[in-house]
Amino acid sequence: MKEIALTSALMICAMADESLLEVYKNQSFLHQNFTNQKSSFSVNLPENINANDVDISASCELRSIILKEPELIKNKIYEQYEADVKKLSLLNNKLVALDEKFKFITITNPIKVSNVENVKSDSDKFYDAVLQNLNEQTSLKEEIKELNKKINAYNLKKIKKADLDFECDPKFVKISYPVKLNINTQNKILADTTKSKIYIEQNLVVKNPLSIDMNNLTIVLYPFYYSSNLTPPRFNPWYEGKPETEKVSYKTMKDAGGMMPLESSAKRAYNSDVDSQNVQNTLANVWKISKVNLKSDEESVFTYDKQNLDAKFEIIIDGYADSNAYIKANFTPLKSIEYALTTFKIDGVSIGKALNFKAEPNSESHVYFGKNDLINVKKEKNTNFTKESFFGAKSKILEGYNYEVKNNSNSAWSVTLIDRLPVPTHESVSVSTKNNPKESEISKKGEISWKFYLNPSESKNIEFSYELTKPSK
């Protein structure tokens, strides 16, 4: 029994030689690799881990794993906490002593009546002693109150030690378990219209999930959910004339505690000295970020991708909505661009943030940079053309608009004006157009567009009209 206790006490807490952090959209897993260990050694795990969460593979058979009760991490913050707790105890003792002194002064009442002058002198001394005592107590209580606030604000971290026992000295041990990871992705998209370039920077903001230093860490970002739903939905036949079977909705493990939004930290380190690859595995294009070092309790920002791409800028006018002119950049990314809170700048001017952009590698993509107020668009209804008429079994609706687009900027722009046509849903319904100039394109979904080029101070007039013929009711 003594030998077992001695062995346990001498177990060395091992540090991982390398670690892999797999980050899904809803869950994160940490894999730690240890090499050339003794048959018995210990590792530090997060305090919320239980035995069912831990998966161990090794070059030797595992005899046992014992998870100890969580214990506080004895770091500098803990030392400050202990010092403040000790100081609080001393202040409370001092307060008790002052209170006892107050009782002694007031209850014992050393004043002895002899004559009027002595009474006045003694009462003044009594007053001064009581007042000094009360002032000291008030000051001390305020100091204790502030110290209690400071102590309660300490965010003390705990770890759970796991004692491992193998049949031999393992050459290799891999320990895997889920972690609650505070992480954010933050991107920047910068446009330079003068050089026809777009610069994209992808950043990862992550906080160490273990509260101990982690070195030589590799982070893999998966663009999908870790899920228990691995099969397609069941096929149900569709019988005409009978109600269709209700579709089964499969829920993914979106609510699992893994990838959580990162609260802003007062201490943040920036590190660009990492290696990254955008690789394609069996399932998706993933990011692999290596040579990451995370300090204990430190929030770190890693720039894992930079792309400087050729871009074609143009103006898109939403004539089907508010007739505003938007700047659009068309480009082809070399590597995948992940969903992230993205900051947009154009020619050095910040224009906003958005969380709605993702792009695949080597695929044509585009992004908008907001409205260009220097492109003036006027849209007026052509009252001379718009009318409705009825001929026998059919009715005709004629509608027309006049556009004037003027370039008030110092730059020339390629412009696409888009409006909307009604889309026939039956062969008895037809739509014809009479436009000046003729449209550049009409899509199957009723999107009609004109493409043209505007030099500075140049204007363009467009007459858009259509005739809708359909059966009368």
Protein backbone atom coordinates (compact mmCIF):
# COMPACT_ATOMS: atom_id res chain seq x y z
CA MET A 1 0.00 0.00 0.00
CA LYS A 2 2.84 2.39 0.87
CA GLU A 3 4.56 1.53 -2.42
CA ILE A 4 1.41 2.40 -4.42
CA ALA A 5 1.01 5.70 -2.60
CA LEU A 6 4.67 6.54 -3.19
CA THR A 7 4.38 5.75 -6.90
CA SER A 8 1.33 7.98 -7.23
CA ALA A 9 3.05 10.82 -5.42
CA LEU A 10 6.07 10.60 -7.72
CA MET A 11 4.03 10.70 -10.94
CA ILE A 12 5.35 13.39 -13.23
CA CYS A 13 2.89 15.76 -14.85
CA ALA A 14 3.84 15.50 -18.52
CA MET A 15 3.70 18.26 -21.11
CA ALA A 16 2.51 17.41 -24.60
CA ASP A 17 5.18 17.39 -27.32
CA GLU A 18 2.60 18.55 -29.85
CA SER A 19 -1.14 19.15 -29.91
CA LEU A 20 -3.90 19.23 -32.51
CA LEU A 21 -7.03 21.34 -32.04
CA GLU A 22 -9.91 20.37 -34.33
CA VAL A 23 -12.51 23.15 -34.58
CA TYR A 24 -15.93 22.35 -36.05
CA LYS A 25 -18.76 24.86 -36.38
CA ASN A 26 -20.29 23.58 -33.14
CA GLN A 27 -17.66 21.53 -31.31
CA SER A 28 -13.93 21.41 -30.63
CA PHE A 29 -11.58 18.54 -29.77
CA LEU A 30 -8.03 18.65 -28.45
CA HIS A 31 -5.58 15.85 -29.26
CA GLN A 32 -2.33 15.84 -27.27
CA ASN A 33 0.66 13.71 -28.25
CA PHE A 34 3.24 12.53 -25.70
CA THR A 35 6.43 10.62 -26.55
CA ASN A 36 8.86 8.47 -24.54
CA GLN A 37 6.96 8.47 -21.24
CA LYS A 38 7.29 6.36 -18.12
CA SER A 39 4.69 3.67 -17.47
CA SER A 40 3.01 5.98 -14.95
CA PHE A 41 2.60 9.70 -15.51
CA SER A 42 0.02 12.46 -15.11
CA VAL A 43 -1.56 15.01 -17.42
CA ASN A 44 -3.59 18.13 -16.77
CA LEU A 45 -7.13 18.22 -18.20
CA PRO A 46 -9.94 20.81 -18.10
CA GLU A 47 -11.94 20.69 -14.86
CA ASN A 48 -15.22 19.69 -16.56
CA ILE A 49 -13.81 16.54 -18.22
CA ASN A 50 -15.00 13.11 -17.07
CA ALA A 51 -13.71 9.63 -17.89
CA ASN A 52 -16.20 9.09 -20.72
CA ASP A 53 -14.87 12.19 -22.52
CA VAL A 54 -11.28 10.94 -22.70
CA ASP A 55 -10.00 8.73 -25.52
CA ILE A 56 -6.47 7.31 -25.19
CA SER A 57 -4.40 5.45 -27.76
CA ALA A 58 -0.82 4.39 -27.05
CA SER A 59 1.97 2.01 -27.94
CA CYS A 60 1.31 0.17 -24.64
CA GLU A 61 -1.89 -1.16 -23.10
CA LEU A 62 -3.52 1.24 -20.67
CA ARG A 63 -4.06 -0.29 -17.24
CA SER A 64 -5.96 2.51 -15.56
CA ILE A 65 -6.82 6.19 -15.58
CA ILE A 66 -7.69 8.02 -12.37
CA LEU A 67 -9.22 11.49 -12.56
CA LYS A 68 -8.52 13.57 -9.47
CA GLU A 69 -10.78 16.27 -8.05
CA PRO A 70 -10.35 19.69 -9.70
CA GLU A 71 -7.73 21.87 -8.05
CA LEU A 72 -6.84 25.53 -8.41
CA ILE A 73 -3.96 26.43 -10.68
CA LYS A 74 -1.15 27.88 -8.56
CA ASN A 75 -0.16 30.74 -10.86
CA LYS A 76 0.56 34.45 -10.31
CA ILE A 77 -3.15 35.28 -10.19
CA TYR A 78 -3.63 32.65 -7.49
CA GLU A 79 -0.70 34.12 -5.50
CA GLN A 80 -2.31 37.58 -5.67
CA TYR A 81 -5.63 36.04 -4.60
CA GLU A 82 -4.03 34.34 -1.57
CA ALA A 83 -2.26 37.57 -0.57
CA ASP A 84 -5.55 39.49 -0.72
CA VAL A 85 -7.38 36.82 1.29
CA LYS A 86 -4.66 37.02 3.95
CA LYS A 87 -4.87 40.82 3.96
CA LEU A 88 -8.67 40.60 4.33
CA SER A 89 -8.29 38.35 7.37
CA LEU A 90 -5.92 40.86 9.01
CA LEU A 91 -8.29 43.75 8.30
CA ASN A 92 -11.23 41.85 9.79
CA ASN A 93 -9.16 41.14 12.91
CA LYS A 94 -8.29 44.82 13.17
CA LEU A 95 -11.98 45.74 12.82
CA VAL A 96 -12.93 43.35 15.64
CA ALA A 97 -10.21 44.87 17.83
CA LEU A 98 -11.46 48.39 17.15
CA ASP A 99 -15.00 47.34 18.00
CA GLU A 100 -13.85 45.85 21.31
CA LYS A 101 -11.88 49.00 22.03
CA PHE A 102 -15.01 51.06 21.35
CA LYS A 103 -16.98 48.95 23.83
CA PHE A 104 -14.25 49.38 26.43
CA ILE A 105 -14.21 53.14 25.99
CA THR A 106 -17.96 53.59 26.11
CA ILE A 107 -18.91 50.99 28.72
CA THR A 108 -16.03 51.47 31.15
CA ASN A 109 -16.43 55.29 30.97
CA PRO A 110 -13.33 56.43 32.85
CA ILE A 111 -14.76 59.90 33.63
CA LYS A 112 -14.93 60.61 37.34
CA VAL A 113 -16.93 63.64 38.44
CA SER A 114 -14.84 65.96 40.64
CA ASN A 115 -15.46 69.46 39.44
CA VAL A 116 -16.89 71.18 36.40
CA GLU A 117 -13.50 71.87 34.79
CA ASN A 118 -12.40 68.24 35.13
CA VAL A 119 -15.71 67.01 33.68
CA LYS A 120 -15.28 69.25 30.65
CA SER A 121 -11.67 68.16 30.11
CA ASP A 122 -12.43 64.46 30.54
CA SER A 123 -15.50 64.60 28.30
CA ASP A 124 -13.44 66.24 25.53
CA LYS A 125 -10.90 63.44 25.79
CA PHE A 126 -13.71 60.85 25.75
CA TYR A 127 -15.23 62.51 22.67
CA ASP A 128 -11.90 62.52 20.83
CA ALA A 129 -11.27 58.85 21.64
CA VAL A 130 -14.74 57.72 20.52
CA LEU A 131 -14.60 59.83 17.34
CA GLN A 132 -11.16 58.52 16.40
CA ASN A 133 -12.32 54.94 16.94
CA LEU A 134 -15.47 55.38 14.83
CA ASN A 135 -13.51 57.06 12.03
CA GLU A 136 -11.00 54.21 12.01
CA GLN A 137 -13.83 51.65 11.85
CA THR A 138 -15.53 53.50 8.97
CA SER A 139 -12.30 53.69 7.00
CA LEU A 140 -11.53 50.04 7.70
CA LYS A 141 -15.01 48.88 6.66
CA GLU A 142 -14.66 50.72 3.35
CA GLU A 143 -11.26 49.11 2.76
CA ILE A 144 -12.73 45.66 3.56
CA LYS A 145 -15.65 46.29 1.20
CA GLU A 146 -13.33 47.17 -1.70
CA LEU A 147 -11.06 44.22 -0.97
CA ASN A 148 -14.05 41.85 -0.96
CA LYS A 149 -15.04 43.16 -4.40
CA LYS A 150 -11.52 42.53 -5.66
CA ILE A 151 -11.46 38.99 -4.25
CA ASN A 152 -14.86 38.13 -5.71
CA ALA A 153 -13.73 39.38 -9.12
CA TYR A 154 -10.82 36.93 -9.34
CA ASN A 155 -11.31 34.39 -12.13
CA LEU A 156 -9.46 31.48 -10.62
CA LYS A 157 -8.83 28.58 -12.98
CA LYS A 158 -9.00 24.92 -12.07
CA ILE A 159 -7.50 21.84 -13.67
CA LYS A 160 -8.20 18.16 -13.23
CA LYS A 161 -5.18 15.89 -12.98
CA ALA A 162 -5.39 12.48 -14.66
CA ASP A 163 -3.05 9.71 -13.47
CA LEU A 164 -2.27 7.22 -16.25
CA ASP A 165 -0.81 3.76 -15.74
CA PHE A 166 0.46 1.64 -18.67
CA GLU A 167 1.84 -1.90 -18.91
CA CYS A 168 5.16 -0.59 -20.24
CA ASP A 169 6.97 2.68 -20.93
CA PRO A 170 5.00 3.98 -23.94
CA LYS A 171 6.89 5.44 -26.87
CA PHE A 172 3.75 7.23 -27.97
CA VAL A 173 0.52 8.33 -26.22
CA LYS A 174 -2.36 10.27 -27.76
CA ILE A 175 -5.02 11.76 -25.47
CA SER A 176 -8.18 13.24 -27.01
CA TYR A 177 -11.09 15.06 -25.38
CA PRO A 178 -13.64 17.83 -26.13
CA VAL A 179 -12.90 21.38 -25.06
CA LYS A 180 -15.05 24.47 -24.71
CA LEU A 181 -13.21 26.84 -26.97
CA ASN A 182 -13.56 30.61 -27.08
CA ILE A 183 -12.86 31.49 -30.70
CA ASN A 184 -13.69 34.06 -33.36
CA THR A 185 -12.79 34.47 -37.00
CA GLN A 186 -12.21 38.05 -38.11
CA ASN A 187 -11.49 39.02 -41.70
CA LYS A 188 -10.51 42.17 -43.55
CA ILE A 189 -11.37 42.94 -47.18
CA LEU A 190 -9.61 46.00 -48.59
CA ALA A 191 -10.34 47.29 -52.09
CA ASP A 192 -8.03 49.45 -54.21
CA THR A 193 -9.99 50.65 -57.23
CA THR A 194 -7.03 52.58 -58.68
CA LYS A 195 -4.94 49.39 -58.95
CA SER A 196 -7.89 47.03 -59.58
CA LYS A 197 -6.85 44.96 -56.57
CA ILE A 198 -8.60 43.41 -53.59
CA TYR A 199 -6.70 42.38 -50.46
CA ILE A 200 -8.16 39.72 -48.16
CA GLU A 201 -6.83 38.90 -44.71
CA GLN A 202 -8.22 36.08 -42.55
CA ASN A 203 -7.57 36.11 -38.80
CA LEU A 204 -8.25 33.69 -35.98
CA VAL A 205 -8.83 34.96 -32.44
CA VAL A 206 -8.50 32.16 -29.90
CA LYS A 207 -8.10 31.84 -26.15
CA ASN A 208 -6.14 28.99 -24.61
CA PRO A 209 -8.72 26.41 -23.41
CA LEU A 210 -6.39 24.81 -20.83
CA SER A 211 -5.11 27.82 -18.84
CA ILE A 212 -1.58 26.45 -19.21
CA ASP A 213 0.94 27.22 -21.94
CA MET A 214 0.41 25.27 -25.15
CA ASN A 215 3.30 25.10 -27.60
CA ASN A 216 3.64 23.56 -31.05
CA LEU A 217 -0.13 23.52 -31.56
CA THR A 218 -1.83 22.82 -34.88
CA ILE A 219 -5.36 24.16 -35.42
CA VAL A 220 -7.65 22.68 -38.07
CA LEU A 221 -10.80 24.63 -39.03
CA TYR A 222 -13.64 22.53 -40.45
CA PRO A 223 -16.48 24.38 -42.27
CA PHE A 224 -19.13 21.88 -41.13
CA TYR A 225 -20.88 20.63 -37.98
CA TYR A 226 -19.79 17.70 -35.84
CA SER A 227 -23.02 15.70 -36.00
CA SER A 228 -24.78 12.48 -35.07
CA ASN A 229 -26.77 12.69 -38.34
CA LEU A 230 -24.58 10.77 -40.79
CA THR A 231 -27.21 9.23 -43.08
CA PRO A 232 -29.51 10.79 -45.70
CA PRO A 233 -33.22 11.20 -44.89
CA ARG A 234 -35.46 8.18 -45.43
CA PHE A 235 -37.01 7.93 -48.90
CA ASN A 236 -40.81 8.06 -48.92
CA PRO A 237 -42.86 7.39 -52.09
CA TRP A 238 -45.10 10.16 -53.38
CA TYR A 239 -48.60 8.99 -54.29
CA GLU A 240 -50.47 11.46 -56.51
CA GLY A 241 -53.75 12.49 -54.95
CA LYS A 242 -52.64 11.60 -51.43
CA PRO A 243 -51.02 13.94 -48.92
CA GLU A 244 -47.26 13.81 -49.07
CA THR A 245 -45.48 12.33 -46.05
CA GLU A 246 -44.14 15.04 -43.78
CA LYS A 247 -40.46 15.57 -44.27
CA VAL A 248 -38.29 14.54 -41.36
CA SER A 249 -36.03 17.27 -40.05
CA TYR A 250 -32.71 16.05 -38.71
CA LYS A 251 -31.09 18.27 -36.15
CA THR A 252 -27.35 18.57 -36.07
CA MET A 253 -25.47 19.02 -32.84
CA LYS A 254 -25.49 22.80 -33.19
CA ASP A 255 -26.08 23.40 -29.52
CA ALA A 256 -23.15 21.32 -28.34
CA GLY A 257 -20.75 23.33 -26.21
CA GLY A 258 -17.72 23.82 -28.37
CA MET A 259 -17.11 26.87 -30.50
CA MET A 260 -18.31 29.88 -28.54
CA PRO A 261 -18.12 33.59 -29.35
CA LEU A 262 -15.07 35.16 -27.82
CA GLU A 263 -15.56 37.96 -25.33
CA SER A 264 -13.14 40.81 -25.76
CA SER A 265 -10.07 40.46 -23.56
CA ALA A 266 -7.98 43.22 -22.04
CA LYS A 267 -4.84 41.22 -22.86
CA ARG A 268 -4.39 40.28 -26.51
CA ALA A 269 -1.28 39.08 -28.33
CA TYR A 270 -0.79 39.34 -32.11
CA ASN A 271 1.22 36.65 -33.87
CA SER A 272 1.87 36.33 -37.59
CA ASP A 273 4.65 33.74 -37.25
CA VAL A 274 2.46 30.74 -38.07
CA ASP A 275 2.21 28.40 -41.05
CA SER A 276 -1.12 27.77 -42.76
CA GLN A 277 -2.44 25.59 -45.56
CA ASN A 278 -5.78 25.46 -47.32
CA VAL A 279 -6.12 21.75 -48.10
CA GLN A 280 -8.91 19.56 -49.40
CA ASN A 281 -9.73 16.42 -47.45
CA THR A 282 -12.42 13.86 -48.26
CA LEU A 283 -15.21 16.16 -47.06
CA ALA A 284 -14.30 19.80 -47.62
CA ASN A 285 -11.66 22.49 -48.03
CA VAL A 286 -10.15 22.99 -44.57
CA TRP A 287 -7.62 25.33 -43.02
CA LYS A 288 -4.62 23.87 -41.21
CA ILE A 289 -2.69 26.34 -39.05
CA SER A 290 0.54 25.11 -37.45
CA LYS A 291 3.37 26.40 -35.24
CA VAL A 292 0.89 28.05 -32.89
CA ASN A 293 1.97 28.92 -29.35
CA LEU A 294 -0.69 29.92 -26.82
CA LYS A 295 0.23 31.43 -23.48
CA SER A 296 -1.80 30.65 -20.39
CA ASP A 297 -4.98 32.77 -20.13
CA GLU A 298 -3.91 34.83 -23.13
CA GLU A 299 -6.06 35.75 -26.10
CA SER A 300 -4.08 35.49 -29.32
CA VAL A 301 -4.74 36.74 -32.84
CA PHE A 302 -3.26 34.80 -35.74
CA THR A 303 -3.26 35.95 -39.34
CA TYR A 304 -3.51 32.64 -41.17
CA ASP A 305 -4.19 33.83 -44.73
CA LYS A 306 -3.39 36.80 -46.95
CA GLN A 307 -4.50 37.09 -50.57
CA ASN A 308 -3.78 39.98 -52.93
CA LEU A 309 -6.04 39.44 -55.94
CA ASP A 310 -6.91 41.07 -59.22
CA ALA A 311 -10.42 42.49 -59.18
CA LYS A 312 -12.83 44.03 -61.64
CA PHE A 313 -14.90 46.84 -60.15
CA GLU A 314 -18.26 47.90 -61.53
CA ILE A 315 -21.44 49.72 -60.58
CA ILE A 316 -24.67 47.76 -60.06
CA ILE A 317 -27.93 49.74 -60.01
CA ASP A 318 -30.94 48.12 -58.32
CA GLY A 319 -33.66 49.57 -60.54
CA TYR A 320 -36.04 46.88 -59.26
CA ALA A 321 -35.77 48.33 -55.71
CA ASP A 322 -34.52 51.78 -54.68
CA SER A 323 -32.43 52.62 -57.78
CA ASN A 324 -29.18 53.03 -55.85
CA ALA A 325 -25.70 52.52 -57.31
CA TYR A 326 -23.57 49.88 -55.54
CA ILE A 327 -19.87 49.14 -56.00
CA LYS A 328 -19.24 45.48 -56.85
CA ALA A 329 -15.86 43.73 -57.01
CA ASN A 330 -15.51 40.54 -59.07
CA PHE A 331 -12.53 38.29 -58.29
CA THR A 332 -11.34 34.68 -58.03
CA PRO A 333 -9.82 33.67 -54.66
CA LEU A 334 -6.89 31.26 -54.68
CA LYS A 335 -7.88 29.79 -51.30
CA SER A 336 -11.19 29.41 -49.49
CA ILE A 337 -12.54 32.38 -47.55
CA GLU A 338 -14.49 31.43 -44.43
CA TYR A 339 -17.53 33.05 -42.85
CA ALA A 340 -16.32 35.65 -40.36
CA LEU A 341 -17.06 39.08 -39.01
CA THR A 342 -15.53 41.03 -41.89
CA THR A 343 -14.34 44.63 -41.98
CA PHE A 344 -14.69 46.32 -45.38
CA LYS A 345 -12.57 49.21 -46.64
CA ILE A 346 -12.42 50.78 -50.09
CA ASP A 347 -9.56 53.09 -51.09
CA GLY A 348 -8.64 53.53 -47.43
CA VAL A 349 -12.16 54.38 -46.23
CA SER A 350 -13.90 52.09 -43.71
CA ILE A 351 -17.47 51.42 -44.85
CA GLY A 352 -18.79 48.78 -42.46
CA LYS A 353 -18.80 45.23 -41.14
CA ALA A 354 -20.77 42.19 -42.25
CA LEU A 355 -21.10 38.47 -41.56
CA ASN A 356 -22.41 37.22 -44.89
CA PHE A 357 -19.44 36.43 -47.09
CA LYS A 358 -17.84 33.10 -48.01
CA ALA A 359 -15.96 32.05 -51.14
CA GLU A 360 -14.59 28.81 -52.57
CA PRO A 361 -11.06 28.57 -54.01
CA ASN A 362 -10.60 29.05 -57.77
CA SER A 363 -14.26 29.97 -58.21
CA GLU A 364 -15.56 33.31 -59.46
CA SER A 365 -16.84 35.37 -56.56
CA HIS A 366 -17.94 38.90 -55.82
CA VAL A 367 -18.40 41.26 -52.91
CA TYR A 368 -20.16 44.61 -52.56
CA PHE A 369 -18.71 47.77 -51.01
CA GLY A 370 -21.88 49.72 -50.41
CA LYS A 371 -23.47 52.62 -52.27
CA ASN A 372 -21.62 55.09 -54.46
CA ASP A 373 -23.35 58.44 -53.98
CA LEU A 374 -21.42 59.95 -56.90
CA ILE A 375 -23.44 57.90 -59.37
CA ASN A 376 -26.77 59.70 -59.62
CA VAL A 377 -29.79 57.65 -60.71
CA LYS A 378 -33.20 59.10 -61.57
CA LYS A 379 -36.14 56.79 -62.27
CA GLU A 380 -39.49 58.17 -63.41
CA LYS A 381 -42.64 56.38 -64.46
CA ASN A 382 -43.61 56.99 -68.10
CA THR A 383 -47.22 58.13 -67.64
CA ASN A 384 -47.72 58.46 -71.40
CA PHE A 385 -46.96 54.78 -71.87
CA THR A 386 -48.43 53.13 -68.76
CA LYS A 387 -51.99 51.92 -69.27
CA GLU A 388 -54.31 48.91 -69.15
CA SER A 389 -56.64 47.82 -71.97
CA PHE A 390 -59.10 44.97 -72.61
CA PHE A 391 -59.71 43.26 -75.98
CA GLY A 392 -62.18 40.40 -75.86
CA ALA A 393 -60.85 37.51 -73.82
CA LYS A 394 -57.45 39.10 -73.21
CA SER A 395 -56.14 42.11 -71.31
CA LYS A 396 -52.96 44.07 -71.89
CA ILE A 397 -50.95 45.96 -69.30
CA LEU A 398 -48.35 48.41 -70.58
CA GLU A 399 -45.80 49.84 -68.16
CA GLY A 400 -42.79 52.06 -68.79
CA TYR A 401 -40.00 53.89 -66.94
CA ASN A 402 -37.34 56.42 -67.88
CA TYR A 403 -33.85 56.23 -66.34
CA GLU A 404 -31.14 58.85 -66.27
CA VAL A 405 -27.77 57.71 -64.89
CA LYS A 406 -25.03 60.32 -64.43
CA ASN A 407 -21.43 59.79 -63.35
CA ASN A 408 -20.50 62.68 -61.04
CA SER A 409 -17.22 61.08 -59.95
CA ASN A 410 -13.69 61.61 -61.30
CA SER A 411 -13.44 57.94 -62.30
CA ALA A 412 -14.87 56.05 -65.24
CA TRP A 413 -17.16 53.13 -64.38
CA SER A 414 -18.64 50.05 -66.00
CA VAL A 415 -22.33 50.12 -65.09
CA THR A 416 -25.04 47.46 -65.02
CA LEU A 417 -28.62 48.65 -64.56
CA ILE A 418 -31.00 45.89 -63.43
CA ASP A 419 -34.79 45.99 -63.43
CA ARG A 420 -37.52 43.38 -63.28
CA LEU A 421 -39.98 41.88 -65.76
CA PRO A 422 -43.04 39.78 -64.87
CA VAL A 423 -42.35 36.06 -65.44
CA PRO A 424 -45.15 34.12 -67.23
CA THR A 425 -46.35 31.02 -65.39
CA HIS A 426 -48.70 29.82 -68.15
CA GLU A 427 -48.56 29.63 -71.94
CA SER A 428 -51.55 31.97 -72.16
CA VAL A 429 -49.47 34.74 -70.57
CA SER A 430 -46.86 36.60 -72.62
CA VAL A 431 -44.45 39.47 -72.01
CA SER A 432 -42.84 41.65 -74.66
CA THR A 433 -40.44 44.57 -74.29
CA LYS A 434 -39.89 47.82 -76.14
CA ASN A 435 -36.69 49.35 -74.77
CA ASN A 436 -34.38 52.11 -75.92
CA PRO A 437 -31.58 51.19 -76.07
CA LYS A 438 -32.20 47.45 -76.33
CA GLU A 439 -31.44 45.52 -73.16
CA SER A 440 -28.18 43.58 -72.81
CA GLU A 441 -29.74 40.49 -71.24
CA ILE A 442 -32.98 38.99 -69.92
CA SER A 443 -32.74 36.06 -67.49
CA LYS A 444 -35.27 33.29 -66.98
CA LYS A 445 -36.21 34.76 -63.61
CA GLY A 446 -37.20 38.09 -65.17
CA GLU A 447 -34.01 40.01 -64.53
CA ILE A 448 -33.48 42.53 -67.34
CA SER A 449 -30.20 44.45 -67.53
CA TRP A 450 -28.31 47.08 -69.51
CA LYS A 451 -24.52 47.19 -69.50
CA PHE A 452 -22.74 50.42 -70.43
CA TYR A 453 -19.69 52.53 -69.66
CA LEU A 454 -19.72 56.02 -68.15
CA ASN A 455 -16.81 58.44 -68.23
CA PRO A 456 -16.64 61.25 -65.65
CA SER A 457 -19.57 63.71 -66.05
CA GLU A 458 -21.17 61.45 -68.68
CA SER A 459 -24.88 60.53 -68.57
CA LYS A 460 -26.95 57.67 -69.95
CA ASN A 461 -30.71 57.65 -70.65
CA ILE A 462 -32.65 54.40 -70.81
CA GLU A 463 -36.30 53.84 -71.67
CA PHE A 464 -37.64 50.61 -70.19
CA SER A 465 -41.13 49.36 -71.08
CA TYR A 466 -42.96 46.07 -71.30
CA GLU A 467 -46.36 44.75 -72.37
CA LEU A 468 -48.03 41.98 -70.36
CA THR A 469 -50.81 40.05 -72.14
CA LYS A 470 -52.97 37.63 -70.16
CA PRO A 471 -56.51 36.21 -70.22
CA SER A 472 -59.22 38.49 -68.87
CA LYS A 473 -60.91 37.30 -65.70
